[in-house]
């Protein structure tokens, strides 16, 4: 998620946010692969909610940034 590109006031924080979303999503994917139980629900619900919110924020932020960059051309 973190790419070696020029530092930018917009891109660097967005990539950090994307990396954080991935960190929260990894245990969710592992728990879902293990099957259903109360223990997996205890992981999936809080971690999945955070990963979903961070992921959606990253996508919206990226689309806005893309739109702004295209408008500046």
C-alpha atoms as a PDB file:
ATOM      1  CA  UNK A   1       0.000   0.000   0.000  1.00  0.00           C
ATOM      2  CA  UNK A   2       2.814   2.425   0.688  1.00  0.00           C
ATOM      3  CA  UNK A   3       4.435   3.229  -2.633  1.00  0.00           C
ATOM      4  CA  UNK A   4       7.842   4.813  -3.156  1.00  0.00           C
ATOM      5  CA  UNK A   5       6.705   7.977  -4.881  1.00  0.00           C
ATOM      6  CA  UNK A   6       7.357  11.647  -4.293  1.00  0.00           C
ATOM      7  CA  UNK A   7       6.080  12.867  -0.955  1.00  0.00           C
ATOM      8  CA  UNK A   8       2.872  14.768  -1.222  1.00  0.00           C
ATOM      9  CA  UNK A   9       0.705  16.502   1.350  1.00  0.00           C
ATOM     10  CA  UNK A  10      -2.226  14.465   0.003  1.00  0.00           C
ATOM     11  CA  UNK A  11      -0.875  11.125  -1.190  1.00  0.00           C
ATOM     12  CA  UNK A  12       1.298  10.135   1.749  1.00  0.00           C
ATOM     13  CA  UNK A  13      -1.468  10.362   4.395  1.00  0.00           C
ATOM     14  CA  UNK A  14      -3.922   8.608   2.052  1.00  0.00           C
ATOM     15  CA  UNK A  15      -1.499   5.728   1.553  1.00  0.00           C
ATOM     16  CA  UNK A  16      -0.926   5.477   5.300  1.00  0.00           C
ATOM     17  CA  UNK A  17      -4.703   5.322   5.745  1.00  0.00           C
ATOM     18  CA  UNK A  18      -4.920   2.568   3.131  1.00  0.00           C
ATOM     19  CA  UNK A  19      -2.174   0.626   4.901  1.00  0.00           C
ATOM     20  CA  UNK A  20      -4.023   0.943   8.191  1.00  0.00           C
ATOM     21  CA  UNK A  21      -7.229  -0.313   6.581  1.00  0.00           C
ATOM     22  CA  UNK A  22      -5.317  -3.313   5.256  1.00  0.00           C
ATOM     23  CA  UNK A  23      -3.925  -4.003   8.736  1.00  0.00           C
ATOM     24  CA  UNK A  24      -7.433  -4.130  10.135  1.00  0.00           C
ATOM     25  CA  UNK A  25      -8.755  -6.209   7.230  1.00  0.00           C
ATOM     26  CA  UNK A  26      -6.114  -8.961   7.484  1.00  0.00           C
ATOM     27  CA  UNK A  27      -7.405 -10.467  10.780  1.00  0.00           C
ATOM     28  CA  UNK A  28     -10.952 -10.272   9.425  1.00  0.00           C
ATOM     29  CA  UNK A  29     -10.037 -12.286   6.349  1.00  0.00           C
ATOM     30  CA  UNK A  30      -8.196 -14.831   8.509  1.00  0.00           C
ATOM     31  CA  UNK A  31     -11.151 -15.144  10.893  1.00  0.00           C
ATOM     32  CA  UNK A  32     -13.615 -15.551   8.039  1.00  0.00           C
ATOM     33  CA  UNK A  33     -11.446 -18.291   6.539  1.00  0.00           C
ATOM     34  CA  UNK A  34     -11.469 -20.157   9.864  1.00  0.00           C
ATOM     35  CA  UNK A  35     -15.251 -20.546   9.967  1.00  0.00           C
ATOM     36  CA  UNK A  36     -18.002 -19.165  12.134  1.00  0.00           C
ATOM     37  CA  UNK A  37     -17.925 -19.062  15.918  1.00  0.00           C
ATOM     38  CA  UNK A  38     -18.287 -16.559  18.728  1.00  0.00           C
ATOM     39  CA  UNK A  39     -14.530 -15.954  18.654  1.00  0.00           C
ATOM     40  CA  UNK A  40     -14.575 -15.056  14.965  1.00  0.00           C
ATOM     41  CA  UNK A  41     -17.555 -12.757  15.518  1.00  0.00           C
ATOM     42  CA  UNK A  42     -15.573 -10.981  18.226  1.00  0.00           C
ATOM     43  CA  UNK A  43     -12.846 -10.299  15.651  1.00  0.00           C
ATOM     44  CA  UNK A  44     -14.919  -9.702  12.531  1.00  0.00           C
ATOM     45  CA  UNK A  45     -17.359  -7.149  13.929  1.00  0.00           C
ATOM     46  CA  UNK A  46     -14.965  -4.564  15.433  1.00  0.00           C
ATOM     47  CA  UNK A  47     -12.037  -5.070  13.047  1.00  0.00           C
ATOM     48  CA  UNK A  48     -14.305  -5.386  10.017  1.00  0.00           C
ATOM     49  CA  UNK A  49     -16.162  -2.202  10.893  1.00  0.00           C
ATOM     50  CA  UNK A  50     -12.937  -0.218  11.223  1.00  0.00           C
ATOM     51  CA  UNK A  51     -11.500  -1.722   8.027  1.00  0.00           C
ATOM     52  CA  UNK A  52     -14.714  -0.935   6.143  1.00  0.00           C
ATOM     53  CA  UNK A  53     -14.816   2.679   7.306  1.00  0.00           C
ATOM     54  CA  UNK A  54     -11.119   3.276   6.614  1.00  0.00           C
ATOM     55  CA  UNK A  55     -11.383   1.564   3.244  1.00  0.00           C
ATOM     56  CA  UNK A  56     -14.407   3.609   2.189  1.00  0.00           C
ATOM     57  CA  UNK A  57     -12.703   6.793   3.351  1.00  0.00           C
ATOM     58  CA  UNK A  58      -9.611   5.907   1.338  1.00  0.00           C
ATOM     59  CA  UNK A  59     -11.632   5.195  -1.805  1.00  0.00           C
ATOM     60  CA  UNK A  60     -13.638   8.417  -1.583  1.00  0.00           C
ATOM     61  CA  UNK A  61     -10.505  10.430  -0.803  1.00  0.00           C
ATOM     62  CA  UNK A  62      -8.718   8.848  -3.768  1.00  0.00           C
ATOM     63  CA  UNK A  63     -11.583   9.581  -6.148  1.00  0.00           C
ATOM     64  CA  UNK A  64     -11.712  13.205  -5.019  1.00  0.00           C
ATOM     65  CA  UNK A  65      -7.932  13.503  -5.429  1.00  0.00           C
ATOM     66  CA  UNK A  66      -8.146  11.993  -8.912  1.00  0.00           C
ATOM     67  CA  UNK A  67     -10.897  14.409  -9.885  1.00  0.00           C
ATOM     68  CA  UNK A  68      -8.896  17.373  -8.616  1.00  0.00           C
ATOM     69  CA  UNK A  69      -5.756  16.225 -10.449  1.00  0.00           C
ATOM     70  CA  UNK A  70      -7.675  15.766 -13.702  1.00  0.00           C
ATOM     71  CA  UNK A  71      -9.312  19.189 -13.343  1.00  0.00           C
ATOM     72  CA  UNK A  72      -5.887  20.839 -12.924  1.00  0.00           C
ATOM     73  CA  UNK A  73      -4.601  19.484 -16.240  1.00  0.00           C
END
